[in-house]
Amino acid sequence: MGWSQGQAAKKLNISIPAFSKIETGLTEINIKRLHQIAELFKVSTVDILSKQDEHPMLMDAEKINGLKARISEKEGEIIKLQKRIIELFEELEKR
């Protein structure tokens, strides 16, 4: 439909992160939500379910777990950098 995630999420009355999790398969949805999505995108629920495995945006669990591990690693790096910034700031204040 050419909508952004934000636009689609707004039409479904959900948050962008919630829509993203649905879109990437990270969250399970109930039949009511599936029907709502089908109506919004003007397709049948059967079309959504039958084409789910073919959708290029859906990731398998192994890939998702790999990405989660990378995110966790990057978060650790960010925390170390934040600590170093604080240390440098404190050193600067002592001068």
PDB file of N, CA and C in Angstrom:
ATOM      1  N   MET A   1       0.821  -1.196   0.000  1.00  0.00           N
ATOM      2  CA  MET A   1       0.000   0.000   0.000  1.00  0.00           C
ATOM      3  C   MET A   1       0.865   1.260   0.000  1.00  0.00           C
ATOM      4  N   GLY A   2       2.163   1.096   0.203  1.00  0.00           N
ATOM      5  CA  GLY A   2       3.048   2.253   0.203  1.00  0.00           C
ATOM      6  C   GLY A   2       3.058   3.038   1.503  1.00  0.00           C
ATOM      7  N   TRP A   3       2.489   2.462   2.562  1.00  0.00           N
ATOM      8  CA  TRP A   3       2.452   3.144   3.843  1.00  0.00           C
ATOM      9  C   TRP A   3       3.742   2.888   4.619  1.00  0.00           C
ATOM     10  N   SER A   4       4.099   3.827   5.459  1.00  0.00           N
ATOM     11  CA  SER A   4       5.201   3.598   6.390  1.00  0.00           C
ATOM     12  C   SER A   4       4.678   2.715   7.520  1.00  0.00           C
ATOM     13  N   GLN A   5       5.595   2.195   8.321  1.00  0.00           N
ATOM     14  CA  GLN A   5       5.162   1.413   9.481  1.00  0.00           C
ATOM     15  C   GLN A   5       4.299   2.272  10.398  1.00  0.00           C
ATOM     16  N   GLY A   6       4.672   3.528  10.544  1.00  0.00           N
ATOM     17  CA  GLY A   6       3.911   4.428  11.402  1.00  0.00           C
ATOM     18  C   GLY A   6       2.485   4.621  10.915  1.00  0.00           C
ATOM     19  N   GLN A   7       2.340   4.790   9.617  1.00  0.00           N
ATOM     20  CA  GLN A   7       1.000   4.983   9.049  1.00  0.00           C
ATOM     21  C   GLN A   7       0.150   3.724   9.225  1.00  0.00           C
ATOM     22  N   ALA A   8       0.735   2.573   8.936  1.00  0.00           N
ATOM     23  CA  ALA A   8      -0.010   1.319   9.091  1.00  0.00           C
ATOM     24  C   ALA A   8      -0.363   1.085  10.555  1.00  0.00           C
ATOM     25  N   ALA A   9       0.594   1.335  11.447  1.00  0.00           N
ATOM     26  CA  ALA A   9       0.343   1.150  12.879  1.00  0.00           C
ATOM     27  C   ALA A   9      -0.804   2.045  13.345  1.00  0.00           C
ATOM     28  N   LYS A  10      -0.799   3.283  12.886  1.00  0.00           N
ATOM     29  CA  LYS A  10      -1.854   4.224  13.279  1.00  0.00           C
ATOM     30  C   LYS A  10      -3.220   3.726  12.813  1.00  0.00           C
ATOM     31  N   LYS A  11      -3.274   3.208  11.580  1.00  0.00           N
ATOM     32  CA  LYS A  11      -4.543   2.700  11.047  1.00  0.00           C
ATOM     33  C   LYS A  11      -5.039   1.484  11.832  1.00  0.00           C
ATOM     34  N   LEU A  12      -4.084   0.716  12.403  1.00  0.00           N
ATOM     35  CA  LEU A  12      -4.448  -0.449  13.202  1.00  0.00           C
ATOM     36  C   LEU A  12      -4.617  -0.107  14.683  1.00  0.00           C
ATOM     37  N   ASN A  13      -4.344   1.158  15.026  1.00  0.00           N
ATOM     38  CA  ASN A  13      -4.446   1.636  16.403  1.00  0.00           C
ATOM     39  C   ASN A  13      -3.493   0.889  17.339  1.00  0.00           C
ATOM     40  N   ILE A  14      -2.245   0.689  16.848  1.00  0.00           N
ATOM     41  CA  ILE A  14      -1.204   0.056  17.655  1.00  0.00           C
ATOM     42  C   ILE A  14       0.073   0.882  17.520  1.00  0.00           C
ATOM     43  N   SER A  15       1.042   0.594  18.352  1.00  0.00           N
ATOM     44  CA  SER A  15       2.305   1.330  18.298  1.00  0.00           C
ATOM     45  C   SER A  15       3.153   0.850  17.122  1.00  0.00           C
ATOM     46  N   ILE A  16       4.105   1.669  16.732  1.00  0.00           N
ATOM     47  CA  ILE A  16       5.017   1.288  15.653  1.00  0.00           C
ATOM     48  C   ILE A  16       5.818   0.048  16.035  1.00  0.00           C
ATOM     49  N   PRO A  17       6.374  -0.027  17.260  1.00  0.00           N
ATOM     50  CA  PRO A  17       7.098  -1.250  17.626  1.00  0.00           C
ATOM     51  C   PRO A  17       6.214  -2.499  17.582  1.00  0.00           C
ATOM     52  N   ALA A  18       4.955  -2.350  17.993  1.00  0.00           N
ATOM     53  CA  ALA A  18       4.037  -3.495  17.950  1.00  0.00           C
ATOM     54  C   ALA A  18       3.805  -3.929  16.507  1.00  0.00           C
ATOM     55  N   PHE A  19       3.628  -2.960  15.608  1.00  0.00           N
ATOM     56  CA  PHE A  19       3.437  -3.292  14.199  1.00  0.00           C
ATOM     57  C   PHE A  19       4.693  -3.953  13.629  1.00  0.00           C
ATOM     58  N   SER A  20       5.843  -3.433  13.988  1.00  0.00           N
ATOM     59  CA  SER A  20       7.111  -3.986  13.511  1.00  0.00           C
ATOM     60  C   SER A  20       7.268  -5.433  13.946  1.00  0.00           C
ATOM     61  N   LYS A  21       6.896  -5.723  15.194  1.00  0.00           N
ATOM     62  CA  LYS A  21       6.996  -7.096  15.689  1.00  0.00           C
ATOM     63  C   LYS A  21       6.046  -8.029  14.944  1.00  0.00           C
ATOM     64  N   ILE A  22       4.878  -7.535  14.591  1.00  0.00           N
ATOM     65  CA  ILE A  22       3.943  -8.337  13.799  1.00  0.00           C
ATOM     66  C   ILE A  22       4.533  -8.573  12.414  1.00  0.00           C
ATOM     67  N   GLU A  23       5.024  -7.505  11.807  1.00  0.00           N
ATOM     68  CA  GLU A  23       5.547  -7.566  10.448  1.00  0.00           C
ATOM     69  C   GLU A  23       6.734  -8.525  10.329  1.00  0.00           C
ATOM     70  N   THR A  24       7.578  -8.557  11.348  1.00  0.00           N
ATOM     71  CA  THR A  24       8.766  -9.409  11.298  1.00  0.00           C
ATOM     72  C   THR A  24       8.538 -10.783  11.905  1.00  0.00           C
ATOM     73  N   GLY A  25       7.348 -11.017  12.425  1.00  0.00           N
ATOM     74  CA  GLY A  25       7.041 -12.332  12.974  1.00  0.00           C
ATOM     75  C   GLY A  25       7.541 -12.545  14.391  1.00  0.00           C
ATOM     76  N   LEU A  26       7.915 -11.471  15.082  1.00  0.00           N
ATOM     77  CA  LEU A  26       8.411 -11.595  16.453  1.00  0.00           C
ATOM     78  C   LEU A  26       7.295 -11.756  17.469  1.00  0.00           C
ATOM     79  N   THR A  27       6.083 -11.475  17.066  1.00  0.00           N
ATOM     80  CA  THR A  27       4.966 -11.593  17.994  1.00  0.00           C
ATOM     81  C   THR A  27       3.830 -12.362  17.321  1.00  0.00           C
ATOM     82  N   GLU A  28       3.139 -13.115  18.118  1.00  0.00           N
ATOM     83  CA  GLU A  28       1.973 -13.855  17.641  1.00  0.00           C
ATOM     84  C   GLU A  28       0.767 -12.912  17.654  1.00  0.00           C
ATOM     85  N   ILE A  29      -0.103 -13.075  16.694  1.00  0.00           N
ATOM     86  CA  ILE A  29      -1.324 -12.253  16.677  1.00  0.00           C
ATOM     87  C   ILE A  29      -2.537 -13.154  16.750  1.00  0.00           C
ATOM     88  N   ASN A  30      -3.622 -12.606  17.261  1.00  0.00           N
ATOM     89  CA  ASN A  30      -4.847 -13.386  17.344  1.00  0.00           C
ATOM     90  C   ASN A  30      -5.637 -13.241  16.040  1.00  0.00           C
ATOM     91  N   ILE A  31      -6.679 -14.017  15.918  1.00  0.00           N
ATOM     92  CA  ILE A  31      -7.493 -14.026  14.697  1.00  0.00           C
ATOM     93  C   ILE A  31      -8.119 -12.660  14.430  1.00  0.00           C
ATOM     94  N   LYS A  32      -8.549 -11.990  15.488  1.00  0.00           N
ATOM     95  CA  LYS A  32      -9.168 -10.676  15.323  1.00  0.00           C
ATOM     96  C   LYS A  32      -8.179  -9.693  14.694  1.00  0.00           C
ATOM     97  N   ARG A  33      -6.934  -9.676  15.188  1.00  0.00           N
ATOM     98  CA  ARG A  33      -5.915  -8.777  14.643  1.00  0.00           C
ATOM     99  C   ARG A  33      -5.582  -9.183  13.202  1.00  0.00           C
ATOM    100  N   LEU A  34      -5.496 -10.486  12.944  1.00  0.00           N
ATOM    101  CA  LEU A  34      -5.222 -10.969  11.589  1.00  0.00           C
ATOM    102  C   LEU A  34      -6.298 -10.485  10.617  1.00  0.00           C
ATOM    103  N   HIS A  35      -7.540 -10.570  11.041  1.00  0.00           N
ATOM    104  CA  HIS A  35      -8.653 -10.103  10.208  1.00  0.00           C
ATOM    105  C   HIS A  35      -8.565  -8.587   9.991  1.00  0.00           C
ATOM    106  N   GLN A  36      -8.215  -7.852  11.036  1.00  0.00           N
ATOM    107  CA  GLN A  36      -8.076  -6.398  10.940  1.00  0.00           C
ATOM    108  C   GLN A  36      -6.981  -6.039   9.927  1.00  0.00           C
ATOM    109  N   ILE A  37      -5.860  -6.743   9.983  1.00  0.00           N
ATOM    110  CA  ILE A  37      -4.755  -6.491   9.053  1.00  0.00           C
ATOM    111  C   ILE A  37      -5.176  -6.829   7.624  1.00  0.00           C
ATOM    112  N   ALA A  38      -5.847  -7.950   7.470  1.00  0.00           N
ATOM    113  CA  ALA A  38      -6.311  -8.357   6.139  1.00  0.00           C
ATOM    114  C   ALA A  38      -7.244  -7.305   5.542  1.00  0.00           C
ATOM    115  N   GLU A  39      -8.166  -6.805   6.345  1.00  0.00           N
ATOM    116  CA  GLU A  39      -9.083  -5.767   5.858  1.00  0.00           C
ATOM    117  C   GLU A  39      -8.331  -4.496   5.477  1.00  0.00           C
ATOM    118  N   LEU A  40      -7.386  -4.106   6.313  1.00  0.00           N
ATOM    119  CA  LEU A  40      -6.621  -2.894   6.057  1.00  0.00           C
ATOM    120  C   LEU A  40      -5.865  -2.978   4.731  1.00  0.00           C
ATOM    121  N   PHE A  41      -5.248  -4.135   4.483  1.00  0.00           N
ATOM    122  CA  PHE A  41      -4.452  -4.291   3.262  1.00  0.00           C
ATOM    123  C   PHE A  41      -5.242  -4.888   2.094  1.00  0.00           C
ATOM    124  N   LYS A  42      -6.544  -5.039   2.313  1.00  0.00           N
ATOM    125  CA  LYS A  42      -7.457  -5.505   1.262  1.00  0.00           C
ATOM    126  C   LYS A  42      -7.029  -6.853   0.671  1.00  0.00           C
ATOM    127  N   VAL A  43      -6.709  -7.787   1.579  1.00  0.00           N
ATOM    128  CA  VAL A  43      -6.395  -9.163   1.202  1.00  0.00           C
ATOM    129  C   VAL A  43      -7.173 -10.081   2.140  1.00  0.00           C
ATOM    130  N   SER A  44      -7.220 -11.350   1.815  1.00  0.00           N
ATOM    131  CA  SER A  44      -7.915 -12.290   2.699  1.00  0.00           C
ATOM    132  C   SER A  44      -6.945 -12.800   3.762  1.00  0.00           C
ATOM    133  N   THR A  45      -7.513 -13.267   4.858  1.00  0.00           N
ATOM    134  CA  THR A  45      -6.665 -13.853   5.901  1.00  0.00           C
ATOM    135  C   THR A  45      -5.945 -15.085   5.363  1.00  0.00           C
ATOM    136  N   VAL A  46      -6.576 -15.806   4.472  1.00  0.00           N
ATOM    137  CA  VAL A  46      -5.950 -16.985   3.847  1.00  0.00           C
ATOM    138  C   VAL A  46      -4.727 -16.558   3.042  1.00  0.00           C
ATOM    139  N   ASP A  47      -4.834 -15.453   2.321  1.00  0.00           N
ATOM    140  CA  ASP A  47      -3.682 -14.943   1.566  1.00  0.00           C
ATOM    141  C   ASP A  47      -2.515 -14.628   2.499  1.00  0.00           C
ATOM    142  N   ILE A  48      -2.812 -13.997   3.611  1.00  0.00           N
ATOM    143  CA  ILE A  48      -1.750 -13.651   4.561  1.00  0.00           C
ATOM    144  C   ILE A  48      -1.092 -14.917   5.090  1.00  0.00           C
ATOM    145  N   LEU A  49      -1.904 -15.874   5.501  1.00  0.00           N
ATOM    146  CA  LEU A  49      -1.354 -17.100   6.084  1.00  0.00           C
ATOM    147  C   LEU A  49      -0.612 -17.949   5.058  1.00  0.00           C
ATOM    148  N   SER A  50      -1.105 -18.000   3.838  1.00  0.00           N
ATOM    149  CA  SER A  50      -0.469 -18.855   2.834  1.00  0.00           C
ATOM    150  C   SER A  50       0.816 -18.252   2.296  1.00  0.00           C
ATOM    151  N   LYS A  51       0.945 -16.948   2.328  1.00  0.00           N
ATOM    152  CA  LYS A  51       2.131 -16.297   1.787  1.00  0.00           C
ATOM    153  C   LYS A  51       3.146 -15.925   2.860  1.00  0.00           C
ATOM    154  N   GLN A  52       2.856 -16.256   4.098  1.00  0.00           N
ATOM    155  CA  GLN A  52       3.724 -15.863   5.199  1.00  0.00           C
ATOM    156  C   GLN A  52       5.151 -16.354   5.003  1.00  0.00           C
ATOM    157  N   ASP A  53       5.325 -17.590   4.594  1.00  0.00           N
ATOM    158  CA  ASP A  53       6.671 -18.139   4.432  1.00  0.00           C
ATOM    159  C   ASP A  53       7.405 -17.529   3.253  1.00  0.00           C
ATOM    160  N   GLU A  54       6.682 -16.956   2.310  1.00  0.00           N
ATOM    161  CA  GLU A  54       7.301 -16.372   1.131  1.00  0.00           C
ATOM    162  C   GLU A  54       7.706 -14.925   1.336  1.00  0.00           C
ATOM    163  N   HIS A  55       7.228 -14.297   2.391  1.00  0.00           N
ATOM    164  CA  HIS A  55       7.478 -12.869   2.602  1.00  0.00           C
ATOM    165  C   HIS A  55       8.955 -12.628   2.894  1.00  0.00           C
ATOM    166  N   PRO A  56       9.612 -11.776   2.106  1.00  0.00           N
ATOM    167  CA  PRO A  56      11.049 -11.552   2.303  1.00  0.00           C
ATOM    168  C   PRO A  56      11.391 -10.845   3.614  1.00  0.00           C
ATOM    169  N   MET A  57      10.438 -10.197   4.250  1.00  0.00           N
ATOM    170  CA  MET A  57      10.717  -9.469   5.482  1.00  0.00           C
ATOM    171  C   MET A  57      10.672 -10.367   6.716  1.00  0.00           C
ATOM    172  N   LEU A  58      10.105 -11.556   6.581  1.00  0.00           N
ATOM    173  CA  LEU A  58      10.029 -12.445   7.727  1.00  0.00           C
ATOM    174  C   LEU A  58      11.352 -13.156   7.913  1.00  0.00           C
ATOM    175  N   MET A  59      11.782 -13.284   9.147  1.00  0.00           N
ATOM    176  CA  MET A  59      13.057 -13.914   9.444  1.00  0.00           C
ATOM    177  C   MET A  59      12.839 -15.175  10.259  1.00  0.00           C
ATOM    178  N   ASP A  60      13.736 -16.133  10.073  1.00  0.00           N
ATOM    179  CA  ASP A  60      13.622 -17.334  10.884  1.00  0.00           C
ATOM    180  C   ASP A  60      14.201 -17.078  12.273  1.00  0.00           C
ATOM    181  N   ALA A  61      13.897 -17.970  13.194  1.00  0.00           N
ATOM    182  CA  ALA A  61      14.294 -17.791  14.593  1.00  0.00           C
ATOM    183  C   ALA A  61      15.808 -17.702  14.745  1.00  0.00           C
ATOM    184  N   GLU A  62      16.544 -18.469  13.971  1.00  0.00           N
ATOM    185  CA  GLU A  62      18.005 -18.462  14.069  1.00  0.00           C
ATOM    186  C   GLU A  62      18.570 -17.078  13.723  1.00  0.00           C
ATOM    187  N   LYS A  63      18.047 -16.480  12.669  1.00  0.00           N
ATOM    188  CA  LYS A  63      18.511 -15.156  12.267  1.00  0.00           C
ATOM    189  C   LYS A  63      18.128 -14.123  13.322  1.00  0.00           C
ATOM    190  N   ILE A  64      16.936 -14.229  13.848  1.00  0.00           N
ATOM    191  CA  ILE A  64      16.475 -13.300  14.885  1.00  0.00           C
ATOM    192  C   ILE A  64      17.357 -13.416  16.124  1.00  0.00           C
ATOM    193  N   ASN A  65      17.653 -14.641  16.537  1.00  0.00           N
ATOM    194  CA  ASN A  65      18.514 -14.834  17.707  1.00  0.00           C
ATOM    195  C   ASN A  65      19.906 -14.273  17.467  1.00  0.00           C
ATOM    196  N   GLY A  66      20.414 -14.416  16.249  1.00  0.00           N
ATOM    197  CA  GLY A  66      21.710 -13.843  15.907  1.00  0.00           C
ATOM    198  C   GLY A  66      21.693 -12.331  16.005  1.00  0.00           C
ATOM    199  N   LEU A  67      20.621 -11.732  15.518  1.00  0.00           N
ATOM    200  CA  LEU A  67      20.487 -10.275  15.594  1.00  0.00           C
ATOM    201  C   LEU A  67      20.344  -9.804  17.037  1.00  0.00           C
ATOM    202  N   LYS A  68      19.605 -10.561  17.835  1.00  0.00           N
ATOM    203  CA  LYS A  68      19.459 -10.212  19.253  1.00  0.00           C
ATOM    204  C   LYS A  68      20.817 -10.249  19.943  1.00  0.00           C
ATOM    205  N   ALA A  69      21.624 -11.254  19.617  1.00  0.00           N
ATOM    206  CA  ALA A  69      22.962 -11.364  20.213  1.00  0.00           C
ATOM    207  C   ALA A  69      23.826 -10.173  19.815  1.00  0.00           C
ATOM    208  N   ARG A  70      23.753  -9.777  18.546  1.00  0.00           N
ATOM    209  CA  ARG A  70      24.524  -8.620  18.081  1.00  0.00           C
ATOM    210  C   ARG A  70      24.063  -7.340  18.780  1.00  0.00           C
ATOM    211  N   ILE A  71      22.757  -7.195  18.962  1.00  0.00           N
ATOM    212  CA  ILE A  71      22.227  -6.019  19.657  1.00  0.00           C
ATOM    213  C   ILE A  71      22.737  -5.991  21.089  1.00  0.00           C
ATOM    214  N   SER A  72      22.698  -7.133  21.747  1.00  0.00           N
ATOM    215  CA  SER A  72      23.181  -7.214  23.120  1.00  0.00           C
ATOM    216  C   SER A  72      24.658  -6.848  23.198  1.00  0.00           C
ATOM    217  N   GLU A  73      25.421  -7.323  22.246  1.00  0.00           N
ATOM    218  CA  GLU A  73      26.853  -7.007  22.175  1.00  0.00           C
ATOM    219  C   GLU A  73      27.062  -5.502  22.007  1.00  0.00           C
ATOM    220  N   LYS A  74      26.305  -4.905  21.098  1.00  0.00           N
ATOM    221  CA  LYS A  74      26.419  -3.465  20.852  1.00  0.00           C
ATOM    222  C   LYS A  74      25.987  -2.661  22.081  1.00  0.00           C
ATOM    223  N   GLU A  75      24.957  -3.134  22.774  1.00  0.00           N
ATOM    224  CA  GLU A  75      24.528  -2.446  23.994  1.00  0.00           C
ATOM    225  C   GLU A  75      25.645  -2.457  25.024  1.00  0.00           C
ATOM    226  N   GLY A  76      26.356  -3.581  25.132  1.00  0.00           N
ATOM    227  CA  GLY A  76      27.498  -3.668  26.034  1.00  0.00           C
ATOM    228  C   GLY A  76      28.584  -2.667  25.668  1.00  0.00           C
ATOM    229  N   GLU A  77      28.842  -2.534  24.372  1.00  0.00           N
ATOM    230  CA  GLU A  77      29.828  -1.556  23.904  1.00  0.00           C
ATOM    231  C   GLU A  77      29.391  -0.130  24.246  1.00  0.00           C
ATOM    232  N   ILE A  78      28.110   0.142  24.078  1.00  0.00           N
ATOM    233  CA  ILE A  78      27.578   1.479  24.389  1.00  0.00           C
ATOM    234  C   ILE A  78      27.736   1.784  25.867  1.00  0.00           C
ATOM    235  N   ILE A  79      27.447   0.809  26.709  1.00  0.00           N
ATOM    236  CA  ILE A  79      27.577   1.013  28.157  1.00  0.00           C
ATOM    237  C   ILE A  79      29.030   1.316  28.513  1.00  0.00           C
ATOM    238  N   LYS A  80      29.970   0.591  27.926  1.00  0.00           N
ATOM    239  CA  LYS A  80      31.397   0.851  28.180  1.00  0.00           C
ATOM    240  C   LYS A  80      31.776   2.267  27.742  1.00  0.00           C
ATOM    241  N   LEU A  81      31.286   2.678  26.584  1.00  0.00           N
ATOM    242  CA  LEU A  81      31.584   4.025  26.099  1.00  0.00           C
ATOM    243  C   LEU A  81      30.966   5.095  26.995  1.00  0.00           C
ATOM    244  N   GLN A  82      29.758   4.853  27.470  1.00  0.00           N
ATOM    245  CA  GLN A  82      29.121   5.804  28.373  1.00  0.00           C
ATOM    246  C   GLN A  82      29.915   5.946  29.675  1.00  0.00           C
ATOM    247  N   LYS A  83      30.394   4.807  30.187  1.00  0.00           N
ATOM    248  CA  LYS A  83      31.205   4.848  31.408  1.00  0.00           C
ATOM    249  C   LYS A  83      32.490   5.635  31.166  1.00  0.00           C
ATOM    250  N   ARG A  84      33.100   5.427  30.004  1.00  0.00           N
ATOM    251  CA  ARG A  84      34.346   6.145  29.689  1.00  0.00           C
ATOM    252  C   ARG A  84      34.092   7.640  29.568  1.00  0.00           C
ATOM    253  N   ILE A  85      32.979   8.026  28.979  1.00  0.00           N
ATOM    254  CA  ILE A  85      32.628   9.445  28.862  1.00  0.00           C
ATOM    255  C   ILE A  85      32.470  10.055  30.244  1.00  0.00           C
ATOM    256  N   ILE A  86      31.816   9.346  31.147  1.00  0.00           N
ATOM    257  CA  ILE A  86      31.633   9.834  32.516  1.00  0.00           C
ATOM    258  C   ILE A  86      32.990   9.998  33.200  1.00  0.00           C
ATOM    259  N   GLU A  87      33.862   8.999  33.028  1.00  0.00           N
ATOM    260  CA  GLU A  87      35.203   9.081  33.615  1.00  0.00           C
ATOM    261  C   GLU A  87      35.955  10.300  33.093  1.00  0.00           C
ATOM    262  N   LEU A  88      35.906  10.513  31.795  1.00  0.00           N
ATOM    263  CA  LEU A  88      36.595  11.654  31.199  1.00  0.00           C
ATOM    264  C   LEU A  88      36.014  12.969  31.692  1.00  0.00           C
ATOM    265  N   PHE A  89      34.700  13.027  31.809  1.00  0.00           N
ATOM    266  CA  PHE A  89      34.047  14.236  32.307  1.00  0.00           C
ATOM    267  C   PHE A  89      34.470  14.521  33.751  1.00  0.00           C
ATOM    268  N   GLU A  90      34.507  13.464  34.563  1.00  0.00           N
ATOM    269  CA  GLU A  90      34.914  13.641  35.959  1.00  0.00           C
ATOM    270  C   GLU A  90      36.377  14.087  36.059  1.00  0.00           C
ATOM    271  N   GLU A  91      37.226  13.526  35.205  1.00  0.00           N
ATOM    272  CA  GLU A  91      38.630  13.957  35.172  1.00  0.00           C
ATOM    273  C   GLU A  91      38.741  15.439  34.801  1.00  0.00           C
ATOM    274  N   LEU A  92      37.948  15.839  33.831  1.00  0.00           N
ATOM    275  CA  LEU A  92      37.941  17.225  33.383  1.00  0.00           C
ATOM    276  C   LEU A  92      37.494  18.163  34.492  1.00  0.00           C
ATOM    277  N   GLU A  93      36.508  17.750  35.272  1.00  0.00           N
ATOM    278  CA  GLU A  93      35.996  18.580  36.372  1.00  0.00           C
ATOM    279  C   GLU A  93      37.046  18.747  37.482  1.00  0.00           C
ATOM    280  N   LYS A  94      37.897  17.739  37.670  1.00  0.00           N
ATOM    281  CA  LYS A  94      38.919  17.798  38.713  1.00  0.00           C
ATOM    282  C   LYS A  94      40.008  18.814  38.380  1.00  0.00           C
ATOM    283  N   ARG A  95      40.189  19.120  37.132  1.00  0.00           N
ATOM    284  CA  ARG A  95      41.266  20.030  36.704  1.00  0.00           C
ATOM    285  C   ARG A  95      40.925  21.454  36.965  1.00  0.00           C
TER     286      ARG A  95
END
